[in-house]
Amino acid sequence: MAQVWKKAVAQDYIASASAMLHVVQVRFPGEHPRDFLTRVRGWLDAQDRQPTTLRYWLHEPETVLRVNFEAQEQAKAFAEAFGGVVLT
């Protein structure tokens, strides 16, 4: 029984490791965060993209947005659309 449990845990670990997230970071100085996030939401909706996580930090003089995608091509497209960088 313990061997079966270890195998199941190992398979879960391998499956989660293969589902890598691709993180995009965008800095947007000089634009109100609400306006920028509205543009981001509009782009995501128009492209039918669903990020796994969207986080932002309000820092003077710029705000930083990080968006996680499961698909690398979605991350690249988002980075290109908003002048961001794919971190992973």
PDB file of N, CA and C in Angstrom:
ATOM      1  N   MET A   1       0.826  -1.197   0.000  1.00  0.00           N
ATOM      2  CA  MET A   1       0.000   0.000   0.000  1.00  0.00           C
ATOM      3  C   MET A   1       0.869   1.260   0.000  1.00  0.00           C
ATOM      4  N   ALA A   2       1.930   1.267   0.788  1.00  0.00           N
ATOM      5  CA  ALA A   2       2.808   2.435   0.845  1.00  0.00           C
ATOM      6  C   ALA A   2       3.458   2.685  -0.510  1.00  0.00           C
ATOM      7  N   GLN A   3       3.801   1.624  -1.219  1.00  0.00           N
ATOM      8  CA  GLN A   3       4.423   1.767  -2.535  1.00  0.00           C
ATOM      9  C   GLN A   3       3.455   2.419  -3.529  1.00  0.00           C
ATOM     10  N   VAL A   4       2.198   2.044  -3.470  1.00  0.00           N
ATOM     11  CA  VAL A   4       1.183   2.630  -4.351  1.00  0.00           C
ATOM     12  C   VAL A   4       1.043   4.128  -4.049  1.00  0.00           C
ATOM     13  N   TRP A   5       1.047   4.469  -2.767  1.00  0.00           N
ATOM     14  CA  TRP A   5       0.934   5.869  -2.354  1.00  0.00           C
ATOM     15  C   TRP A   5       2.118   6.678  -2.874  1.00  0.00           C
ATOM     16  N   LYS A   6       3.325   6.165  -2.727  1.00  0.00           N
ATOM     17  CA  LYS A   6       4.521   6.866  -3.193  1.00  0.00           C
ATOM     18  C   LYS A   6       4.470   7.082  -4.704  1.00  0.00           C
ATOM     19  N   LYS A   7       3.990   6.085  -5.433  1.00  0.00           N
ATOM     20  CA  LYS A   7       3.902   6.207  -6.885  1.00  0.00           C
ATOM     21  C   LYS A   7       2.892   7.287  -7.268  1.00  0.00           C
ATOM     22  N   ALA A   8       1.766   7.353  -6.585  1.00  0.00           N
ATOM     23  CA  ALA A   8       0.741   8.351  -6.867  1.00  0.00           C
ATOM     24  C   ALA A   8       1.268   9.756  -6.579  1.00  0.00           C
ATOM     25  N   VAL A   9       1.984   9.930  -5.484  1.00  0.00           N
ATOM     26  CA  VAL A   9       2.556  11.231  -5.137  1.00  0.00           C
ATOM     27  C   VAL A   9       3.582  11.634  -6.181  1.00  0.00           C
ATOM     28  N   ALA A  10       4.426  10.701  -6.609  1.00  0.00           N
ATOM     29  CA  ALA A  10       5.443  10.986  -7.619  1.00  0.00           C
ATOM     30  C   ALA A  10       4.792  11.392  -8.934  1.00  0.00           C
ATOM     31  N   GLN A  11       3.716  10.742  -9.329  1.00  0.00           N
ATOM     32  CA  GLN A  11       3.035  11.083 -10.572  1.00  0.00           C
ATOM     33  C   GLN A  11       2.405  12.474 -10.488  1.00  0.00           C
ATOM     34  N   ASP A  12       1.835  12.808  -9.330  1.00  0.00           N
ATOM     35  CA  ASP A  12       1.275  14.151  -9.148  1.00  0.00           C
ATOM     36  C   ASP A  12       2.364  15.210  -9.248  1.00  0.00           C
ATOM     37  N   TYR A  13       3.525  14.930  -8.672  1.00  0.00           N
ATOM     38  CA  TYR A  13       4.643  15.874  -8.712  1.00  0.00           C
ATOM     39  C   TYR A  13       5.106  16.089 -10.151  1.00  0.00           C
ATOM     40  N   ILE A  14       5.238  15.021 -10.901  1.00  0.00           N
ATOM     41  CA  ILE A  14       5.676  15.121 -12.297  1.00  0.00           C
ATOM     42  C   ILE A  14       4.651  15.898 -13.114  1.00  0.00           C
ATOM     43  N   ALA A  15       3.382  15.636 -12.910  1.00  0.00           N
ATOM     44  CA  ALA A  15       2.329  16.331 -13.653  1.00  0.00           C
ATOM     45  C   ALA A  15       2.335  17.821 -13.344  1.00  0.00           C
ATOM     46  N   SER A  16       2.512  18.193 -12.081  1.00  0.00           N
ATOM     47  CA  SER A  16       2.508  19.609 -11.734  1.00  0.00           C
ATOM     48  C   SER A  16       3.773  20.292 -12.225  1.00  0.00           C
ATOM     49  N   ALA A  17       4.888  19.594 -12.241  1.00  0.00           N
ATOM     50  CA  ALA A  17       6.135  20.183 -12.721  1.00  0.00           C
ATOM     51  C   ALA A  17       6.069  20.450 -14.225  1.00  0.00           C
ATOM     52  N   SER A  18       5.369  19.610 -14.956  1.00  0.00           N
ATOM     53  CA  SER A  18       5.282  19.803 -16.401  1.00  0.00           C
ATOM     54  C   SER A  18       4.313  20.929 -16.765  1.00  0.00           C
ATOM     55  N   ALA A  19       3.455  21.314 -15.836  1.00  0.00           N
ATOM     56  CA  ALA A  19       2.513  22.414 -16.075  1.00  0.00           C
ATOM     57  C   ALA A  19       3.157  23.719 -15.614  1.00  0.00           C
ATOM     58  N   MET A  20       4.206  24.122 -16.306  1.00  0.00           N
ATOM     59  CA  MET A  20       4.962  25.312 -15.954  1.00  0.00           C
ATOM     60  C   MET A  20       4.167  26.564 -16.269  1.00  0.00           C
ATOM     61  N   LEU A  21       4.292  27.548 -15.396  1.00  0.00           N
ATOM     62  CA  LEU A  21       3.665  28.833 -15.648  1.00  0.00           C
ATOM     63  C   LEU A  21       4.665  29.762 -16.319  1.00  0.00           C
ATOM     64  N   HIS A  22       4.169  30.580 -17.216  1.00  0.00           N
ATOM     65  CA  HIS A  22       4.984  31.559 -17.922  1.00  0.00           C
ATOM     66  C   HIS A  22       4.570  32.935 -17.407  1.00  0.00           C
ATOM     67  N   VAL A  23       5.499  33.598 -16.743  1.00  0.00           N
ATOM     68  CA  VAL A  23       5.218  34.860 -16.061  1.00  0.00           C
ATOM     69  C   VAL A  23       5.640  36.023 -16.943  1.00  0.00           C
ATOM     70  N   VAL A  24       4.716  36.958 -17.129  1.00  0.00           N
ATOM     71  CA  VAL A  24       4.997  38.178 -17.888  1.00  0.00           C
ATOM     72  C   VAL A  24       4.982  39.347 -16.908  1.00  0.00           C
ATOM     73  N   GLN A  25       5.998  40.191 -17.010  1.00  0.00           N
ATOM     74  CA  GLN A  25       6.042  41.405 -16.194  1.00  0.00           C
ATOM     75  C   GLN A  25       5.959  42.618 -17.100  1.00  0.00           C
ATOM     76  N   VAL A  26       5.074  43.533 -16.719  1.00  0.00           N
ATOM     77  CA  VAL A  26       4.882  44.778 -17.469  1.00  0.00           C
ATOM     78  C   VAL A  26       4.982  45.936 -16.486  1.00  0.00           C
ATOM     79  N   ARG A  27       5.754  46.940 -16.854  1.00  0.00           N
ATOM     80  CA  ARG A  27       5.837  48.174 -16.065  1.00  0.00           C
ATOM     81  C   ARG A  27       5.096  49.255 -16.840  1.00  0.00           C
ATOM     82  N   PHE A  28       4.282  50.026 -16.142  1.00  0.00           N
ATOM     83  CA  PHE A  28       3.542  51.076 -16.845  1.00  0.00           C
ATOM     84  C   PHE A  28       3.566  52.383 -16.050  1.00  0.00           C
ATOM     85  N   PRO A  29       4.646  53.130 -16.240  1.00  0.00           N
ATOM     86  CA  PRO A  29       4.745  54.442 -15.593  1.00  0.00           C
ATOM     87  C   PRO A  29       3.862  55.466 -16.287  1.00  0.00           C
ATOM     88  N   GLY A  30       3.328  56.375 -15.518  1.00  0.00           N
ATOM     89  CA  GLY A  30       2.599  57.496 -16.110  1.00  0.00           C
ATOM     90  C   GLY A  30       1.165  57.220 -16.506  1.00  0.00           C
ATOM     91  N   GLU A  31       0.704  55.994 -16.398  1.00  0.00           N
ATOM     92  CA  GLU A  31      -0.694  55.683 -16.739  1.00  0.00           C
ATOM     93  C   GLU A  31      -1.405  55.255 -15.463  1.00  0.00           C
ATOM     94  N   HIS A  32      -2.606  55.744 -15.273  1.00  0.00           N
ATOM     95  CA  HIS A  32      -3.363  55.379 -14.075  1.00  0.00           C
ATOM     96  C   HIS A  32      -3.590  53.869 -14.075  1.00  0.00           C
ATOM     97  N   PRO A  33      -3.334  53.202 -12.936  1.00  0.00           N
ATOM     98  CA  PRO A  33      -3.500  51.741 -12.889  1.00  0.00           C
ATOM     99  C   PRO A  33      -4.872  51.260 -13.343  1.00  0.00           C
ATOM    100  N   ARG A  34      -5.907  51.983 -12.999  1.00  0.00           N
ATOM    101  CA  ARG A  34      -7.265  51.570 -13.403  1.00  0.00           C
ATOM    102  C   ARG A  34      -7.389  51.558 -14.926  1.00  0.00           C
ATOM    103  N   ASP A  35      -6.854  52.597 -15.570  1.00  0.00           N
ATOM    104  CA  ASP A  35      -6.928  52.683 -17.033  1.00  0.00           C
ATOM    105  C   ASP A  35      -6.119  51.558 -17.687  1.00  0.00           C
ATOM    106  N   PHE A  36      -4.941  51.315 -17.151  1.00  0.00           N
ATOM    107  CA  PHE A  36      -4.100  50.253 -17.712  1.00  0.00           C
ATOM    108  C   PHE A  36      -4.761  48.886 -17.542  1.00  0.00           C
ATOM    109  N   LEU A  37      -5.286  48.617 -16.347  1.00  0.00           N
ATOM    110  CA  LEU A  37      -5.930  47.322 -16.104  1.00  0.00           C
ATOM    111  C   LEU A  37      -7.186  47.151 -16.957  1.00  0.00           C
ATOM    112  N   THR A  38      -7.859  48.247 -17.259  1.00  0.00           N
ATOM    113  CA  THR A  38      -9.012  48.173 -18.164  1.00  0.00           C
ATOM    114  C   THR A  38      -8.560  47.770 -19.560  1.00  0.00           C
ATOM    115  N   ARG A  39      -7.442  48.331 -20.018  1.00  0.00           N
ATOM    116  CA  ARG A  39      -6.899  47.943 -21.330  1.00  0.00           C
ATOM    117  C   ARG A  39      -6.480  46.476 -21.336  1.00  0.00           C
ATOM    118  N   VAL A  40      -5.853  46.042 -20.235  1.00  0.00           N
ATOM    119  CA  VAL A  40      -5.428  44.642 -20.129  1.00  0.00           C
ATOM    120  C   VAL A  40      -6.635  43.717 -20.192  1.00  0.00           C
ATOM    121  N   ARG A  41      -7.670  44.021 -19.428  1.00  0.00           N
ATOM    122  CA  ARG A  41      -8.873  43.179 -19.417  1.00  0.00           C
ATOM    123  C   ARG A  41      -9.508  43.143 -20.798  1.00  0.00           C
ATOM    124  N   GLY A  42      -9.547  44.275 -21.473  1.00  0.00           N
ATOM    125  CA  GLY A  42     -10.099  44.316 -22.821  1.00  0.00           C
ATOM    126  C   GLY A  42      -9.316  43.427 -23.778  1.00  0.00           C
ATOM    127  N   TRP A  43      -7.990  43.468 -23.684  1.00  0.00           N
ATOM    128  CA  TRP A  43      -7.149  42.634 -24.554  1.00  0.00           C
ATOM    129  C   TRP A  43      -7.361  41.156 -24.239  1.00  0.00           C
ATOM    130  N   LEU A  44      -7.374  40.815 -22.954  1.00  0.00           N
ATOM    131  CA  LEU A  44      -7.579  39.410 -22.573  1.00  0.00           C
ATOM    132  C   LEU A  44      -8.912  38.889 -23.094  1.00  0.00           C
ATOM    133  N   ASP A  45      -9.953  39.702 -22.957  1.00  0.00           N
ATOM    134  CA  ASP A  45     -11.280  39.297 -23.440  1.00  0.00           C
ATOM    135  C   ASP A  45     -11.293  39.162 -24.961  1.00  0.00           C
ATOM    136  N   ALA A  46     -10.703  40.141 -25.664  1.00  0.00           N
ATOM    137  CA  ALA A  46     -10.705  40.116 -27.131  1.00  0.00           C
ATOM    138  C   ALA A  46      -9.905  38.933 -27.675  1.00  0.00           C
ATOM    139  N   GLN A  47      -8.848  38.554 -26.979  1.00  0.00           N
ATOM    140  CA  GLN A  47      -7.999  37.446 -27.415  1.00  0.00           C
ATOM    141  C   GLN A  47      -8.459  36.105 -26.852  1.00  0.00           C
ATOM    142  N   ASP A  48      -9.504  36.138 -26.016  1.00  0.00           N
ATOM    143  CA  ASP A  48     -10.022  34.934 -25.352  1.00  0.00           C
ATOM    144  C   ASP A  48      -8.922  34.233 -24.554  1.00  0.00           C
ATOM    145  N   ARG A  49      -8.182  35.022 -23.789  1.00  0.00           N
ATOM    146  CA  ARG A  49      -7.088  34.508 -22.958  1.00  0.00           C
ATOM    147  C   ARG A  49      -7.511  34.514 -21.502  1.00  0.00           C
ATOM    148  N   GLN A  50      -7.085  33.511 -20.777  1.00  0.00           N
ATOM    149  CA  GLN A  50      -7.379  33.413 -19.355  1.00  0.00           C
ATOM    150  C   GLN A  50      -6.086  33.172 -18.591  1.00  0.00           C
ATOM    151  N   PRO A  51      -5.508  34.209 -18.004  1.00  0.00           N
ATOM    152  CA  PRO A  51      -4.313  33.985 -17.194  1.00  0.00           C
ATOM    153  C   PRO A  51      -4.685  33.242 -15.914  1.00  0.00           C
ATOM    154  N   THR A  52      -3.707  32.553 -15.355  1.00  0.00           N
ATOM    155  CA  THR A  52      -3.975  31.851 -14.098  1.00  0.00           C
ATOM    156  C   THR A  52      -3.933  32.812 -12.920  1.00  0.00           C
ATOM    157  N   THR A  53      -3.091  33.835 -13.023  1.00  0.00           N
ATOM    158  CA  THR A  53      -2.957  34.822 -11.947  1.00  0.00           C
ATOM    159  C   THR A  53      -2.633  36.175 -12.554  1.00  0.00           C
ATOM    160  N   LEU A  54      -3.180  37.210 -11.967  1.00  0.00           N
ATOM    161  CA  LEU A  54      -2.877  38.571 -12.366  1.00  0.00           C
ATOM    162  C   LEU A  54      -2.635  39.359 -11.077  1.00  0.00           C
ATOM    163  N   ARG A  55      -1.413  39.885 -10.922  1.00  0.00           N
ATOM    164  CA  ARG A  55      -1.066  40.642  -9.711  1.00  0.00           C
ATOM    165  C   ARG A  55      -0.436  41.965 -10.113  1.00  0.00           C
ATOM    166  N   TYR A  56      -0.629  42.967  -9.280  1.00  0.00           N
ATOM    167  CA  TYR A  56       0.040  44.232  -9.545  1.00  0.00           C
ATOM    168  C   TYR A  56       0.504  44.866  -8.245  1.00  0.00           C
ATOM    169  N   TRP A  57       1.552  45.681  -8.393  1.00  0.00           N
ATOM    170  CA  TRP A  57       2.128  46.399  -7.272  1.00  0.00           C
ATOM    171  C   TRP A  57       2.138  47.875  -7.624  1.00  0.00           C
ATOM    172  N   LEU A  58       1.624  48.686  -6.731  1.00  0.00           N
ATOM    173  CA  LEU A  58       1.613  50.129  -6.941  1.00  0.00           C
ATOM    174  C   LEU A  58       2.861  50.714  -6.301  1.00  0.00           C
ATOM    175  N   HIS A  59       3.789  51.130  -7.132  1.00  0.00           N
ATOM    176  CA  HIS A  59       5.035  51.741  -6.692  1.00  0.00           C
ATOM    177  C   HIS A  59       5.187  53.062  -7.439  1.00  0.00           C
ATOM    178  N   GLU A  60       5.665  54.052  -6.744  1.00  0.00           N
ATOM    179  CA  GLU A  60       5.966  55.314  -7.422  1.00  0.00           C
ATOM    180  C   GLU A  60       7.330  55.199  -8.056  1.00  0.00           C
ATOM    181  N   PRO A  61       7.579  55.643  -9.232  1.00  0.00           N
ATOM    182  CA  PRO A  61       6.654  56.335 -10.132  1.00  0.00           C
ATOM    183  C   PRO A  61       5.953  55.400 -11.114  1.00  0.00           C
ATOM    184  N   GLU A  62       6.108  54.094 -10.968  1.00  0.00           N
ATOM    185  CA  GLU A  62       5.477  53.184 -11.930  1.00  0.00           C
ATOM    186  C   GLU A  62       4.786  52.040 -11.202  1.00  0.00           C
ATOM    187  N   THR A  63       3.849  51.436 -11.895  1.00  0.00           N
ATOM    188  CA  THR A  63       3.152  50.265 -11.375  1.00  0.00           C
ATOM    189  C   THR A  63       3.659  49.052 -12.136  1.00  0.00           C
ATOM    190  N   VAL A  64       3.770  47.930 -11.425  1.00  0.00           N
ATOM    191  CA  VAL A  64       4.263  46.690 -12.027  1.00  0.00           C
ATOM    192  C   VAL A  64       3.121  45.678 -12.038  1.00  0.00           C
ATOM    193  N   LEU A  65       2.936  45.048 -13.175  1.00  0.00           N
ATOM    194  CA  LEU A  65       1.903  44.023 -13.348  1.00  0.00           C
ATOM    195  C   LEU A  65       2.595  42.718 -13.698  1.00  0.00           C
ATOM    196  N   ARG A  66       2.220  41.640 -13.035  1.00  0.00           N
ATOM    197  CA  ARG A  66       2.693  40.301 -13.395  1.00  0.00           C
ATOM    198  C   ARG A  66       1.484  39.424 -13.681  1.00  0.00           C
ATOM    199  N   VAL A  67       1.566  38.749 -14.826  1.00  0.00           N
ATOM    200  CA  VAL A  67       0.470  37.894 -15.279  1.00  0.00           C
ATOM    201  C   VAL A  67       1.043  36.521 -15.592  1.00  0.00           C
ATOM    202  N   ASN A  68       0.424  35.482 -15.058  1.00  0.00           N
ATOM    203  CA  ASN A  68       0.863  34.102 -15.294  1.00  0.00           C
ATOM    204  C   ASN A  68      -0.038  33.439 -16.327  1.00  0.00           C
ATOM    205  N   PHE A  69       0.599  32.786 -17.288  1.00  0.00           N
ATOM    206  CA  PHE A  69      -0.114  32.023 -18.309  1.00  0.00           C
ATOM    207  C   PHE A  69       0.407  30.591 -18.309  1.00  0.00           C
ATOM    208  N   GLU A  70      -0.456  29.636 -18.589  1.00  0.00           N
ATOM    209  CA  GLU A  70      -0.018  28.252 -18.733  1.00  0.00           C
ATOM    210  C   GLU A  70       0.632  28.015 -20.090  1.00  0.00           C
ATOM    211  N   ALA A  71       0.176  28.720 -21.106  1.00  0.00           N
ATOM    212  CA  ALA A  71       0.697  28.522 -22.456  1.00  0.00           C
ATOM    213  C   ALA A  71       1.744  29.593 -22.777  1.00  0.00           C
ATOM    214  N   GLN A  72       2.890  29.144 -23.250  1.00  0.00           N
ATOM    215  CA  GLN A  72       3.976  30.058 -23.563  1.00  0.00           C
ATOM    216  C   GLN A  72       3.597  31.049 -24.666  1.00  0.00           C
ATOM    217  N   GLU A  73       2.859  30.591 -25.678  1.00  0.00           N
ATOM    218  CA  GLU A  73       2.486  31.485 -26.764  1.00  0.00           C
ATOM    219  C   GLU A  73       1.564  32.604 -26.288  1.00  0.00           C
ATOM    220  N   GLN A  74       0.712  32.327 -25.288  1.00  0.00           N
ATOM    221  CA  GLN A  74      -0.141  33.371 -24.728  1.00  0.00           C
ATOM    222  C   GLN A  74       0.691  34.401 -23.974  1.00  0.00           C
ATOM    223  N   ALA A  75       1.681  33.910 -23.235  1.00  0.00           N
ATOM    224  CA  ALA A  75       2.567  34.808 -22.488  1.00  0.00           C
ATOM    225  C   ALA A  75       3.331  35.718 -23.442  1.00  0.00           C
ATOM    226  N   LYS A  76       3.849  35.153 -24.519  1.00  0.00           N
ATOM    227  CA  LYS A  76       4.601  35.947 -25.496  1.00  0.00           C
ATOM    228  C   LYS A  76       3.708  36.995 -26.154  1.00  0.00           C
ATOM    229  N   ALA A  77       2.493  36.609 -26.510  1.00  0.00           N
ATOM    230  CA  ALA A  77       1.565  37.549 -27.152  1.00  0.00           C
ATOM    231  C   ALA A  77       1.213  38.693 -26.205  1.00  0.00           C
ATOM    232  N   PHE A  78       0.990  38.375 -24.945  1.00  0.00           N
ATOM    233  CA  PHE A  78       0.660  39.405 -23.954  1.00  0.00           C
ATOM    234  C   PHE A  78       1.838  40.354 -23.769  1.00  0.00           C
ATOM    235  N   ALA A  79       3.035  39.799 -23.632  1.00  0.00           N
ATOM    236  CA  ALA A  79       4.236  40.621 -23.460  1.00  0.00           C
ATOM    237  C   ALA A  79       4.425  41.553 -24.648  1.00  0.00           C
ATOM    238  N   GLU A  80       4.206  41.046 -25.829  1.00  0.00           N
ATOM    239  CA  GLU A  80       4.364  41.861 -27.043  1.00  0.00           C
ATOM    240  C   GLU A  80       3.322  42.964 -27.095  1.00  0.00           C
ATOM    241  N   ALA A  81       2.093  42.660 -26.709  1.00  0.00           N
ATOM    242  CA  ALA A  81       1.013  43.634 -26.778  1.00  0.00           C
ATOM    243  C   ALA A  81       1.206  44.789 -25.798  1.00  0.00           C
ATOM    244  N   PHE A  82       1.862  44.526 -24.648  1.00  0.00           N
ATOM    245  CA  PHE A  82       1.970  45.545 -23.614  1.00  0.00           C
ATOM    246  C   PHE A  82       3.408  45.948 -23.288  1.00  0.00           C
ATOM    247  N   GLY A  83       4.347  45.559 -24.131  1.00  0.00           N
ATOM    248  CA  GLY A  83       5.734  45.954 -23.907  1.00  0.00           C
ATOM    249  C   GLY A  83       6.342  45.330 -22.676  1.00  0.00           C
ATOM    250  N   GLY A  84       5.920  44.102 -22.381  1.00  0.00           N
ATOM    251  CA  GLY A  84       6.421  43.406 -21.202  1.00  0.00           C
ATOM    252  C   GLY A  84       7.528  42.427 -21.526  1.00  0.00           C
ATOM    253  N   VAL A  85       7.919  41.690 -20.513  1.00  0.00           N
ATOM    254  CA  VAL A  85       8.997  40.711 -20.613  1.00  0.00           C
ATOM    255  C   VAL A  85       8.495  39.388 -20.043  1.00  0.00           C
ATOM    256  N   VAL A  86       8.762  38.292 -20.757  1.00  0.00           N
ATOM    257  CA  VAL A  86       8.447  36.962 -20.240  1.00  0.00           C
ATOM    258  C   VAL A  86       9.595  36.572 -19.306  1.00  0.00           C
ATOM    259  N   LEU A  87       9.298  36.390 -18.022  1.00  0.00           N
ATOM    260  CA  LEU A  87      10.325  36.094 -17.028  1.00  0.00           C
ATOM    261  C   LEU A  87      10.649  34.610 -16.976  1.00  0.00           C
ATOM    262  N   THR A  88       9.634  33.758 -17.107  1.00  0.00           N
ATOM    263  CA  THR A  88       9.862  32.297 -17.071  1.00  0.00           C
ATOM    264  C   THR A  88       9.040  31.630 -18.142  1.00  0.00           C
TER     265      THR A  88
END
